[in-house]
Amino acid sequence: METTSGGLRERKKEATREALHDAAMRLAVEHGLQEVTVEAIADAAGVSRRTFSNYFGGKEEALLYGDERRMQNLLERFIARPCDESSWAALRGSLHAMLAEEGERDPRWVAQARLAREHPSVMAQQLAHWASLERTFADLIAVRDGLPSGGARPRAMAGAFMAALRIAAIVWTDERPPRPLAEIADDLLQEMARPFG
């Protein structure tokens, strides 16, 4: 019984997070981020301002919730990759699996990427989250490859991977006609794997 009620409670929390994220995205696209308040997001999601504060520290966090979920999904997929696969192949395989599940050109994902580029407060929040994720990837790569924690190779690999994802998102939202994100990311990851000098 406790497991069922705990599961229901978690589903309700997730539904509230999703509703707040959706409201933040919709309002930011319709009215511009500067015009959007936390109160307006809470009202649009049908919750109180206090409830909003229980889930997010500000409108930027609510906007980036989809990105945070995607990056967590990517991390979990990397952890689950076969142990005999190289770390670089595991990173690429994780990304392909996530993109296959997410699909291409989700309008909310594109809108979120554009908002992040246009607003320094959103970009700062996103970069802070990605920097934390990069450190986590570096630690996991070190363990996976039997290297010292904090070593140059795991850090460089994690940094190259995250930089490729960031650049891929920019190219993906700018290119006309658009190419699949997986194709753009592959091109960039291939470049990252080549020596520069």
N, C-alpha and C. Protein backbone atom coordinates (compact mmCIF):
# COMPACT_ATOMS: atom_id res chain seq x y z
N MET A 1 0.83 -1.19 0.00
CA MET A 1 0.00 0.00 0.00
C MET A 1 0.88 1.26 0.00
N GLU A 2 1.94 1.26 0.81
CA GLU A 2 2.83 2.41 0.89
C GLU A 2 3.51 2.66 -0.45
N THR A 3 3.91 1.58 -1.14
CA THR A 3 4.55 1.71 -2.44
C THR A 3 3.59 2.34 -3.44
N THR A 4 2.34 1.90 -3.43
CA THR A 4 1.35 2.44 -4.35
C THR A 4 1.11 3.91 -4.10
N SER A 5 0.93 4.29 -2.82
CA SER A 5 0.68 5.70 -2.51
C SER A 5 1.91 6.54 -2.79
N GLY A 6 3.11 5.97 -2.54
CA GLY A 6 4.35 6.69 -2.86
C GLY A 6 4.49 6.91 -4.34
N GLY A 7 4.15 5.88 -5.13
CA GLY A 7 4.20 6.00 -6.59
C GLY A 7 3.22 7.03 -7.11
N LEU A 8 2.01 7.04 -6.53
CA LEU A 8 0.99 8.01 -6.92
C LEU A 8 1.44 9.42 -6.59
N ARG A 9 2.03 9.58 -5.41
CA ARG A 9 2.51 10.90 -4.99
C ARG A 9 3.60 11.40 -5.95
N GLU A 10 4.51 10.51 -6.34
CA GLU A 10 5.57 10.90 -7.27
C GLU A 10 5.01 11.27 -8.64
N ARG A 11 3.99 10.51 -9.09
CA ARG A 11 3.36 10.83 -10.38
C ARG A 11 2.68 12.19 -10.33
N LYS A 12 2.04 12.49 -9.21
CA LYS A 12 1.39 13.80 -9.06
C LYS A 12 2.43 14.93 -9.06
N LYS A 13 3.55 14.70 -8.38
CA LYS A 13 4.61 15.70 -8.36
C LYS A 13 5.16 15.93 -9.77
N GLU A 14 5.36 14.85 -10.48
CA GLU A 14 5.87 14.95 -11.86
C GLU A 14 4.87 15.68 -12.75
N ALA A 15 3.58 15.39 -12.57
CA ALA A 15 2.54 16.07 -13.35
C ALA A 15 2.54 17.57 -13.05
N THR A 16 2.77 17.94 -11.79
CA THR A 16 2.83 19.36 -11.43
C THR A 16 4.05 20.02 -12.06
N ARG A 17 5.20 19.35 -12.00
CA ARG A 17 6.41 19.89 -12.64
C ARG A 17 6.17 20.10 -14.13
N GLU A 18 5.58 19.10 -14.78
CA GLU A 18 5.29 19.19 -16.22
C GLU A 18 4.35 20.34 -16.52
N ALA A 19 3.30 20.49 -15.70
CA ALA A 19 2.33 21.57 -15.92
C ALA A 19 3.00 22.93 -15.79
N LEU A 20 3.87 23.09 -14.80
CA LEU A 20 4.59 24.35 -14.61
C LEU A 20 5.56 24.60 -15.76
N HIS A 21 6.26 23.57 -16.19
CA HIS A 21 7.18 23.70 -17.32
C HIS A 21 6.42 24.09 -18.58
N ASP A 22 5.31 23.39 -18.86
CA ASP A 22 4.51 23.70 -20.04
C ASP A 22 3.99 25.14 -20.00
N ALA A 23 3.51 25.56 -18.84
CA ALA A 23 3.00 26.92 -18.70
C ALA A 23 4.11 27.95 -18.92
N ALA A 24 5.28 27.70 -18.35
CA ALA A 24 6.41 28.62 -18.52
C ALA A 24 6.81 28.72 -19.99
N MET A 25 6.89 27.59 -20.67
CA MET A 25 7.25 27.59 -22.09
C MET A 25 6.22 28.35 -22.91
N ARG A 26 4.96 28.04 -22.70
CA ARG A 26 3.88 28.66 -23.47
C ARG A 26 3.87 30.18 -23.28
N LEU A 27 3.94 30.61 -22.04
CA LEU A 27 3.90 32.05 -21.75
C LEU A 27 5.14 32.77 -22.29
N ALA A 28 6.30 32.15 -22.17
CA ALA A 28 7.53 32.78 -22.67
C ALA A 28 7.50 32.93 -24.19
N VAL A 29 6.97 31.93 -24.88
CA VAL A 29 6.88 32.00 -26.34
C VAL A 29 5.83 33.03 -26.76
N GLU A 30 4.70 33.07 -26.06
CA GLU A 30 3.61 33.97 -26.43
C GLU A 30 3.90 35.43 -26.08
N HIS A 31 4.51 35.68 -24.92
CA HIS A 31 4.63 37.05 -24.42
C HIS A 31 6.07 37.55 -24.30
N GLY A 32 7.04 36.66 -24.45
CA GLY A 32 8.43 37.04 -24.22
C GLY A 32 8.79 36.80 -22.76
N LEU A 33 9.99 36.33 -22.53
CA LEU A 33 10.40 35.94 -21.19
C LEU A 33 10.33 37.10 -20.19
N GLN A 34 10.70 38.29 -20.64
CA GLN A 34 10.72 39.43 -19.72
C GLN A 34 9.35 39.73 -19.14
N GLU A 35 8.31 39.42 -19.89
CA GLU A 35 6.94 39.73 -19.45
C GLU A 35 6.35 38.64 -18.55
N VAL A 36 7.02 37.52 -18.46
CA VAL A 36 6.47 36.38 -17.72
C VAL A 36 6.90 36.46 -16.26
N THR A 37 5.94 36.28 -15.36
CA THR A 37 6.24 36.26 -13.93
C THR A 37 5.98 34.86 -13.38
N VAL A 38 6.55 34.60 -12.23
CA VAL A 38 6.31 33.33 -11.55
C VAL A 38 4.82 33.19 -11.24
N GLU A 39 4.19 34.30 -10.85
CA GLU A 39 2.76 34.27 -10.53
C GLU A 39 1.94 33.86 -11.76
N ALA A 40 2.31 34.41 -12.93
CA ALA A 40 1.58 34.08 -14.16
C ALA A 40 1.75 32.60 -14.51
N ILE A 41 2.95 32.07 -14.30
CA ILE A 41 3.20 30.65 -14.57
C ILE A 41 2.35 29.79 -13.63
N ALA A 42 2.37 30.13 -12.35
CA ALA A 42 1.58 29.38 -11.36
C ALA A 42 0.10 29.42 -11.70
N ASP A 43 -0.41 30.61 -12.05
CA ASP A 43 -1.83 30.75 -12.41
C ASP A 43 -2.16 29.89 -13.63
N ALA A 44 -1.30 29.94 -14.65
CA ALA A 44 -1.56 29.19 -15.88
C ALA A 44 -1.53 27.69 -15.63
N ALA A 45 -0.75 27.25 -14.64
CA ALA A 45 -0.68 25.82 -14.30
C ALA A 45 -1.74 25.41 -13.28
N GLY A 46 -2.47 26.41 -12.75
CA GLY A 46 -3.52 26.11 -11.78
C GLY A 46 -3.01 25.75 -10.39
N VAL A 47 -1.86 26.35 -10.02
CA VAL A 47 -1.31 26.10 -8.68
C VAL A 47 -0.98 27.43 -8.02
N SER A 48 -0.66 27.39 -6.74
CA SER A 48 -0.32 28.61 -6.01
C SER A 48 1.14 28.99 -6.25
N ARG A 49 1.46 30.23 -5.92
CA ARG A 49 2.85 30.71 -6.01
C ARG A 49 3.74 29.88 -5.09
N ARG A 50 3.21 29.53 -3.95
CA ARG A 50 3.96 28.71 -2.99
C ARG A 50 4.26 27.33 -3.57
N THR A 51 3.27 26.74 -4.25
CA THR A 51 3.49 25.44 -4.88
C THR A 51 4.59 25.55 -5.92
N PHE A 52 4.55 26.62 -6.72
CA PHE A 52 5.62 26.84 -7.71
C PHE A 52 6.98 26.79 -7.02
N SER A 53 7.10 27.51 -5.90
CA SER A 53 8.38 27.60 -5.18
C SER A 53 8.82 26.27 -4.59
N ASN A 54 7.88 25.36 -4.38
CA ASN A 54 8.24 24.01 -3.90
C ASN A 54 8.93 23.19 -4.99
N TYR A 55 8.71 23.58 -6.25
CA TYR A 55 9.25 22.80 -7.36
C TYR A 55 10.42 23.48 -8.08
N PHE A 56 10.37 24.80 -8.19
CA PHE A 56 11.38 25.52 -8.96
C PHE A 56 11.82 26.78 -8.23
N GLY A 57 13.09 27.14 -8.41
CA GLY A 57 13.62 28.34 -7.79
C GLY A 57 13.34 29.62 -8.56
N GLY A 58 12.82 29.51 -9.75
CA GLY A 58 12.51 30.69 -10.57
C GLY A 58 12.00 30.26 -11.93
N LYS A 59 11.64 31.23 -12.74
CA LYS A 59 11.05 30.91 -14.05
C LYS A 59 12.07 30.25 -14.97
N GLU A 60 13.36 30.58 -14.80
CA GLU A 60 14.38 29.95 -15.64
C GLU A 60 14.44 28.45 -15.39
N GLU A 61 14.37 28.06 -14.13
CA GLU A 61 14.39 26.63 -13.79
C GLU A 61 13.18 25.93 -14.39
N ALA A 62 12.02 26.58 -14.29
CA ALA A 62 10.80 25.97 -14.85
C ALA A 62 10.92 25.81 -16.36
N LEU A 63 11.48 26.81 -17.03
CA LEU A 63 11.68 26.75 -18.47
C LEU A 63 12.60 25.61 -18.87
N LEU A 64 13.64 25.39 -18.08
CA LEU A 64 14.67 24.42 -18.45
C LEU A 64 14.41 23.01 -17.92
N TYR A 65 13.25 22.79 -17.34
CA TYR A 65 12.97 21.47 -16.77
C TYR A 65 13.04 20.36 -17.83
N GLY A 66 12.54 20.63 -19.03
CA GLY A 66 12.61 19.64 -20.10
C GLY A 66 14.05 19.29 -20.44
N ASP A 67 14.91 20.29 -20.49
CA ASP A 67 16.33 20.07 -20.76
C ASP A 67 16.96 19.24 -19.65
N GLU A 68 16.61 19.57 -18.41
CA GLU A 68 17.15 18.82 -17.26
C GLU A 68 16.74 17.35 -17.33
N ARG A 69 15.49 17.10 -17.69
CA ARG A 69 15.00 15.72 -17.81
C ARG A 69 15.73 14.97 -18.92
N ARG A 70 15.92 15.64 -20.07
CA ARG A 70 16.63 14.99 -21.19
C ARG A 70 18.05 14.65 -20.79
N MET A 71 18.74 15.56 -20.10
CA MET A 71 20.12 15.32 -19.70
C MET A 71 20.22 14.20 -18.65
N GLN A 72 19.24 14.11 -17.77
CA GLN A 72 19.20 13.01 -16.80
C GLN A 72 19.00 11.69 -17.52
N ASN A 73 18.14 11.69 -18.52
CA ASN A 73 17.89 10.51 -19.34
C ASN A 73 19.19 10.08 -20.02
N LEU A 74 19.93 11.05 -20.56
CA LEU A 74 21.20 10.76 -21.23
C LEU A 74 22.19 10.15 -20.25
N LEU A 75 22.28 10.70 -19.07
CA LEU A 75 23.19 10.19 -18.04
C LEU A 75 22.83 8.75 -17.66
N GLU A 76 21.55 8.49 -17.46
CA GLU A 76 21.12 7.14 -17.10
C GLU A 76 21.42 6.14 -18.21
N ARG A 77 21.26 6.58 -19.45
CA ARG A 77 21.57 5.69 -20.58
C ARG A 77 23.07 5.38 -20.64
N PHE A 78 23.90 6.38 -20.33
CA PHE A 78 25.34 6.15 -20.33
C PHE A 78 25.72 5.13 -19.27
N ILE A 79 25.16 5.27 -18.09
CA ILE A 79 25.44 4.34 -16.99
C ILE A 79 25.06 2.91 -17.38
N ALA A 80 23.99 2.77 -18.16
CA ALA A 80 23.47 1.44 -18.52
C ALA A 80 24.18 0.81 -19.72
N ARG A 81 25.08 1.54 -20.37
CA ARG A 81 25.75 0.99 -21.55
C ARG A 81 26.64 -0.20 -21.17
N PRO A 82 26.89 -1.12 -22.14
CA PRO A 82 27.74 -2.29 -21.86
C PRO A 82 29.14 -1.89 -21.40
N CYS A 83 29.66 -2.63 -20.43
CA CYS A 83 30.97 -2.32 -19.83
C CYS A 83 32.12 -2.47 -20.80
N ASP A 84 31.96 -3.32 -21.83
CA ASP A 84 33.07 -3.55 -22.76
C ASP A 84 33.12 -2.50 -23.88
N GLU A 85 32.22 -1.55 -23.85
CA GLU A 85 32.19 -0.48 -24.84
C GLU A 85 33.11 0.65 -24.37
N SER A 86 33.84 1.27 -25.30
CA SER A 86 34.67 2.41 -24.90
C SER A 86 33.77 3.53 -24.39
N SER A 87 34.32 4.40 -23.57
CA SER A 87 33.52 5.49 -23.02
C SER A 87 32.99 6.41 -24.12
N TRP A 88 33.83 6.70 -25.12
CA TRP A 88 33.38 7.58 -26.21
C TRP A 88 32.24 6.93 -26.98
N ALA A 89 32.36 5.64 -27.27
CA ALA A 89 31.27 4.92 -27.97
C ALA A 89 30.02 4.88 -27.09
N ALA A 90 30.19 4.73 -25.79
CA ALA A 90 29.05 4.71 -24.87
C ALA A 90 28.35 6.06 -24.82
N LEU A 91 29.12 7.15 -24.85
CA LEU A 91 28.53 8.49 -24.88
C LEU A 91 27.71 8.67 -26.15
N ARG A 92 28.29 8.29 -27.28
CA ARG A 92 27.59 8.44 -28.56
C ARG A 92 26.36 7.54 -28.61
N GLY A 93 26.50 6.31 -28.14
CA GLY A 93 25.37 5.38 -28.14
C GLY A 93 24.24 5.87 -27.25
N SER A 94 24.59 6.46 -26.12
CA SER A 94 23.58 7.01 -25.20
C SER A 94 22.81 8.14 -25.87
N LEU A 95 23.54 9.00 -26.56
CA LEU A 95 22.89 10.12 -27.24
C LEU A 95 21.95 9.63 -28.33
N HIS A 96 22.41 8.67 -29.12
CA HIS A 96 21.55 8.12 -30.19
C HIS A 96 20.29 7.50 -29.62
N ALA A 97 20.44 6.75 -28.54
CA ALA A 97 19.26 6.10 -27.93
C ALA A 97 18.28 7.15 -27.41
N MET A 98 18.82 8.20 -26.77
CA MET A 98 17.94 9.25 -26.24
C MET A 98 17.22 9.98 -27.36
N LEU A 99 17.95 10.33 -28.42
CA LEU A 99 17.33 11.06 -29.53
C LEU A 99 16.30 10.20 -30.26
N ALA A 100 16.55 8.90 -30.36
CA ALA A 100 15.57 8.00 -30.99
C ALA A 100 14.28 7.98 -30.18
N GLU A 101 14.41 8.04 -28.86
CA GLU A 101 13.24 8.04 -27.99
C GLU A 101 12.53 9.39 -28.02
N GLU A 102 13.30 10.48 -28.00
CA GLU A 102 12.73 11.83 -27.93
C GLU A 102 12.08 12.26 -29.24
N GLY A 103 12.62 11.79 -30.37
CA GLY A 103 12.12 12.25 -31.65
C GLY A 103 12.79 13.55 -32.06
N GLU A 104 12.53 13.96 -33.27
CA GLU A 104 13.19 15.14 -33.83
C GLU A 104 12.24 16.33 -33.88
N ARG A 105 12.83 17.51 -33.75
CA ARG A 105 12.14 18.79 -33.91
C ARG A 105 10.90 18.94 -33.04
N ASP A 106 11.00 18.48 -31.81
CA ASP A 106 9.94 18.77 -30.85
C ASP A 106 9.90 20.30 -30.73
N PRO A 107 8.75 20.92 -31.04
CA PRO A 107 8.70 22.39 -31.02
C PRO A 107 9.08 23.00 -29.67
N ARG A 108 8.74 22.30 -28.57
CA ARG A 108 9.09 22.84 -27.25
C ARG A 108 10.60 22.81 -27.03
N TRP A 109 11.24 21.77 -27.52
CA TRP A 109 12.69 21.66 -27.38
C TRP A 109 13.38 22.77 -28.17
N VAL A 110 12.91 23.00 -29.40
CA VAL A 110 13.48 24.06 -30.23
C VAL A 110 13.25 25.42 -29.57
N ALA A 111 12.03 25.67 -29.09
CA ALA A 111 11.71 26.95 -28.43
C ALA A 111 12.58 27.15 -27.20
N GLN A 112 12.79 26.09 -26.44
CA GLN A 112 13.62 26.17 -25.24
C GLN A 112 15.06 26.50 -25.60
N ALA A 113 15.57 25.87 -26.65
CA ALA A 113 16.95 26.15 -27.08
C ALA A 113 17.09 27.61 -27.51
N ARG A 114 16.09 28.13 -28.20
CA ARG A 114 16.14 29.53 -28.64
C ARG A 114 16.04 30.48 -27.46
N LEU A 115 15.16 30.18 -26.52
CA LEU A 115 15.03 31.04 -25.33
C LEU A 115 16.34 31.09 -24.55
N ALA A 116 17.00 29.95 -24.45
CA ALA A 116 18.27 29.90 -23.71
C ALA A 116 19.31 30.79 -24.38
N ARG A 117 19.32 30.80 -25.70
CA ARG A 117 20.30 31.62 -26.42
C ARG A 117 19.98 33.10 -26.34
N GLU A 118 18.71 33.43 -26.26
CA GLU A 118 18.30 34.84 -26.30
C GLU A 118 18.32 35.54 -24.94
N HIS A 119 18.33 34.76 -23.86
CA HIS A 119 18.22 35.36 -22.53
C HIS A 119 19.37 34.90 -21.64
N PRO A 120 20.24 35.82 -21.25
CA PRO A 120 21.40 35.45 -20.43
C PRO A 120 21.04 34.72 -19.14
N SER A 121 19.91 35.06 -18.52
CA SER A 121 19.54 34.40 -17.26
C SER A 121 19.22 32.92 -17.48
N VAL A 122 18.60 32.61 -18.62
CA VAL A 122 18.28 31.21 -18.94
C VAL A 122 19.57 30.49 -19.33
N MET A 123 20.40 31.16 -20.14
CA MET A 123 21.67 30.56 -20.55
C MET A 123 22.55 30.25 -19.35
N ALA A 124 22.62 31.18 -18.40
CA ALA A 124 23.44 30.96 -17.20
C ALA A 124 22.96 29.74 -16.42
N GLN A 125 21.65 29.61 -16.28
CA GLN A 125 21.07 28.46 -15.56
C GLN A 125 21.38 27.16 -16.30
N GLN A 126 21.23 27.18 -17.63
CA GLN A 126 21.50 25.99 -18.42
C GLN A 126 22.97 25.59 -18.35
N LEU A 127 23.86 26.57 -18.49
CA LEU A 127 25.29 26.28 -18.46
C LEU A 127 25.73 25.73 -17.10
N ALA A 128 25.13 26.24 -16.03
CA ALA A 128 25.46 25.73 -14.69
C ALA A 128 25.04 24.26 -14.57
N HIS A 129 23.87 23.95 -15.08
CA HIS A 129 23.40 22.56 -15.04
C HIS A 129 24.29 21.67 -15.90
N TRP A 130 24.64 22.13 -17.09
CA TRP A 130 25.48 21.34 -17.98
C TRP A 130 26.89 21.15 -17.41
N ALA A 131 27.41 22.16 -16.70
CA ALA A 131 28.73 22.03 -16.08
C ALA A 131 28.71 20.96 -15.00
N SER A 132 27.63 20.91 -14.24
CA SER A 132 27.48 19.88 -13.22
C SER A 132 27.39 18.50 -13.87
N LEU A 133 26.65 18.41 -14.96
CA LEU A 133 26.53 17.15 -15.68
C LEU A 133 27.87 16.72 -16.27
N GLU A 134 28.63 17.68 -16.77
CA GLU A 134 29.95 17.38 -17.32
C GLU A 134 30.86 16.76 -16.26
N ARG A 135 30.82 17.30 -15.04
CA ARG A 135 31.63 16.73 -13.94
C ARG A 135 31.18 15.31 -13.63
N THR A 136 29.88 15.08 -13.65
CA THR A 136 29.36 13.73 -13.38
C THR A 136 29.82 12.77 -14.46
N PHE A 137 29.73 13.19 -15.72
CA PHE A 137 30.20 12.34 -16.82
C PHE A 137 31.70 12.05 -16.66
N ALA A 138 32.49 13.05 -16.30
CA ALA A 138 33.94 12.85 -16.14
C ALA A 138 34.22 11.81 -15.06
N ASP A 139 33.49 11.88 -13.95
CA ASP A 139 33.67 10.90 -12.87
C ASP A 139 33.30 9.50 -13.34
N LEU A 140 32.20 9.38 -14.07
CA LEU A 140 31.75 8.07 -14.57
C LEU A 140 32.72 7.51 -15.60
N ILE A 141 33.26 8.37 -16.45
CA ILE A 141 34.24 7.93 -17.45
C ILE A 141 35.49 7.42 -16.75
N ALA A 142 35.94 8.13 -15.71
CA ALA A 142 37.13 7.70 -14.97
C ALA A 142 36.93 6.31 -14.38
N VAL A 143 35.77 6.08 -13.78
CA VAL A 143 35.47 4.76 -13.20
C VAL A 143 35.40 3.72 -14.30
N ARG A 144 34.70 4.03 -15.37
CA ARG A 144 34.50 3.09 -16.48
C ARG A 144 35.82 2.67 -17.10
N ASP A 145 36.75 3.64 -17.25
CA ASP A 145 38.02 3.36 -17.92
C ASP A 145 39.15 3.04 -16.95
N GLY A 146 38.84 2.99 -15.65
CA GLY A 146 39.86 2.66 -14.66
C GLY A 146 40.93 3.74 -14.54
N LEU A 147 40.53 5.00 -14.69
CA LEU A 147 41.46 6.12 -14.62
C LEU A 147 41.30 6.86 -13.31
N PRO A 148 42.32 7.63 -12.90
CA PRO A 148 42.19 8.39 -11.66
C PRO A 148 41.08 9.44 -11.78
N SER A 149 40.33 9.60 -10.72
CA SER A 149 39.29 10.62 -10.69
C SER A 149 39.93 11.99 -10.80
N GLY A 150 39.36 12.86 -11.61
CA GLY A 150 39.91 14.20 -11.78
C GLY A 150 41.03 14.26 -12.79
N GLY A 151 41.32 13.15 -13.47
CA GLY A 151 42.39 13.13 -14.48
C GLY A 151 42.00 13.91 -15.73
N ALA A 152 43.02 14.21 -16.54
CA ALA A 152 42.80 15.03 -17.73
C ALA A 152 41.94 14.33 -18.78
N ARG A 153 42.15 13.03 -19.01
CA ARG A 153 41.42 12.35 -20.09
C ARG A 153 39.91 12.31 -19.83
N PRO A 154 39.44 11.87 -18.66
CA PRO A 154 38.00 11.87 -18.43
C PRO A 154 37.38 13.27 -18.52
N ARG A 155 38.10 14.26 -18.01
CA ARG A 155 37.59 15.64 -18.07
C ARG A 155 37.52 16.14 -19.51
N ALA A 156 38.57 15.86 -20.27
CA ALA A 156 38.60 16.30 -21.67
C ALA A 156 37.49 15.62 -22.47
N MET A 157 37.30 14.32 -22.24
CA MET A 157 36.27 13.59 -22.97
C MET A 157 34.87 14.11 -22.63
N ALA A 158 34.61 14.29 -21.35
CA ALA A 158 33.30 14.80 -20.93
C ALA A 158 33.09 16.22 -21.45
N GLY A 159 34.13 17.05 -21.40
CA GLY A 159 34.03 18.42 -21.90
C GLY A 159 33.78 18.46 -23.39
N ALA A 160 34.49 17.62 -24.14
CA ALA A 160 34.30 17.57 -25.60
C ALA A 160 32.88 17.12 -25.94
N PHE A 161 32.38 16.13 -25.22
CA PHE A 161 31.04 15.62 -25.47
C PHE A 161 29.99 16.70 -25.20
N MET A 162 30.09 17.37 -24.06
CA MET A 162 29.10 18.39 -23.72
C MET A 162 29.21 19.60 -24.64
N ALA A 163 30.42 19.96 -25.05
CA ALA A 163 30.59 21.07 -26.00
C ALA A 163 29.95 20.72 -27.34
N ALA A 164 30.13 19.49 -27.78
CA ALA A 164 29.51 19.05 -29.04
C ALA A 164 27.99 19.13 -28.95
N LEU A 165 27.42 18.75 -27.81
CA LEU A 165 25.97 18.83 -27.65
C LEU A 165 25.49 20.28 -27.70
N ARG A 166 26.22 21.16 -27.04
CA ARG A 166 25.83 22.58 -27.01
C ARG A 166 25.87 23.17 -28.42
N ILE A 167 26.95 22.89 -29.16
CA ILE A 167 27.07 23.42 -30.52
C ILE A 167 26.01 22.79 -31.43
N ALA A 168 25.76 21.50 -31.24
CA ALA A 168 24.74 20.82 -32.05
C ALA A 168 23.37 21.47 -31.87
N ALA A 169 23.04 21.84 -30.64
CA ALA A 169 21.74 22.49 -30.38
C ALA A 169 21.65 23.82 -31.10
N ILE A 170 22.75 24.57 -31.14
CA ILE A 170 22.76 25.87 -31.83
C ILE A 170 22.57 25.66 -33.34
N VAL A 171 23.33 24.75 -33.91
CA VAL A 171 23.23 24.47 -35.35
C VAL A 171 21.83 23.98 -35.69
N TRP A 172 21.30 23.10 -34.86
CA TRP A 172 19.99 22.48 -35.07
C TRP A 172 18.88 23.52 -35.15
N THR A 173 18.95 24.54 -34.30
CA THR A 173 17.89 25.56 -34.29
C THR A 173 18.10 26.60 -35.38
N ASP A 174 19.33 26.71 -35.92
CA ASP A 174 19.63 27.74 -36.92
C ASP A 174 19.53 27.25 -38.37
N GLU A 175 19.89 26.00 -38.60
CA GLU A 175 20.00 25.50 -39.98
C GLU A 175 18.67 25.51 -40.72
N ARG A 176 18.72 25.94 -41.98
CA ARG A 176 17.56 25.88 -42.87
C ARG A 176 18.03 25.31 -44.19
N PRO A 177 17.43 24.22 -44.69
CA PRO A 177 16.42 23.42 -43.99
C PRO A 177 17.08 22.66 -42.83
N PRO A 178 16.29 22.34 -41.81
CA PRO A 178 16.86 21.66 -40.65
C PRO A 178 17.28 20.23 -40.95
N ARG A 179 18.39 19.83 -40.35
CA ARG A 179 18.82 18.44 -40.41
C ARG A 179 18.48 17.78 -39.08
N PRO A 180 18.43 16.45 -39.04
CA PRO A 180 18.20 15.77 -37.76
C PRO A 180 19.30 16.10 -36.75
N LEU A 181 18.92 16.29 -35.51
CA LEU A 181 19.88 16.60 -34.45
C LEU A 181 20.93 15.49 -34.33
N ALA A 182 20.52 14.24 -34.49
CA ALA A 182 21.47 13.12 -34.38
C ALA A 182 22.58 13.24 -35.43
N GLU A 183 22.21 13.67 -36.63
CA GLU A 183 23.20 13.82 -37.71
C GLU A 183 24.18 14.95 -37.40
N ILE A 184 23.64 16.07 -36.92
CA ILE A 184 24.49 17.21 -36.57
C ILE A 184 25.43 16.83 -35.42
N ALA A 185 24.88 16.18 -34.40
CA ALA A 185 25.69 15.77 -33.25
C ALA A 185 26.78 14.79 -33.69
N ASP A 186 26.45 13.86 -34.57
CA ASP A 186 27.45 12.91 -35.07
C ASP A 186 28.61 13.62 -35.76
N ASP A 187 28.28 14.59 -36.62
CA ASP A 187 29.33 15.35 -37.31
C ASP A 187 30.26 16.02 -36.30
N LEU A 188 29.67 16.65 -35.29
CA LEU A 188 30.47 17.36 -34.29
C LEU A 188 31.28 16.41 -33.41
N LEU A 189 30.67 15.29 -33.03
CA LEU A 189 31.38 14.32 -32.20
C LEU A 189 32.55 13.71 -32.98
N GLN A 190 32.36 13.52 -34.27
CA GLN A 190 33.44 13.00 -35.11
C GLN A 190 34.60 14.01 -35.16
N GLU A 191 34.25 15.29 -35.27
CA GLU A 191 35.29 16.32 -35.26
C GLU A 191 36.01 16.36 -33.91
N MET A 192 35.25 16.22 -32.83
CA MET A 192 35.85 16.25 -31.50
C MET A 192 36.84 15.09 -31.31
N ALA A 193 36.56 13.96 -31.97
CA ALA A 193 37.41 12.78 -31.80
C ALA A 193 38.69 12.85 -32.65
N ARG A 194 38.76 13.81 -33.57
CA ARG A 194 39.94 13.95 -34.41
C ARG A 194 40.99 14.81 -33.73
N PRO A 195 42.28 14.48 -33.88
CA PRO A 195 43.31 15.34 -33.28
C PRO A 195 43.38 16.68 -34.02
N PHE A 196 43.68 17.76 -33.28
CA PHE A 196 43.75 19.08 -33.88
C PHE A 196 45.14 19.42 -34.41
N GLY A 197 46.14 18.76 -33.93
CA GLY A 197 47.46 19.18 -34.37
C GLY A 197 48.44 18.15 -34.30
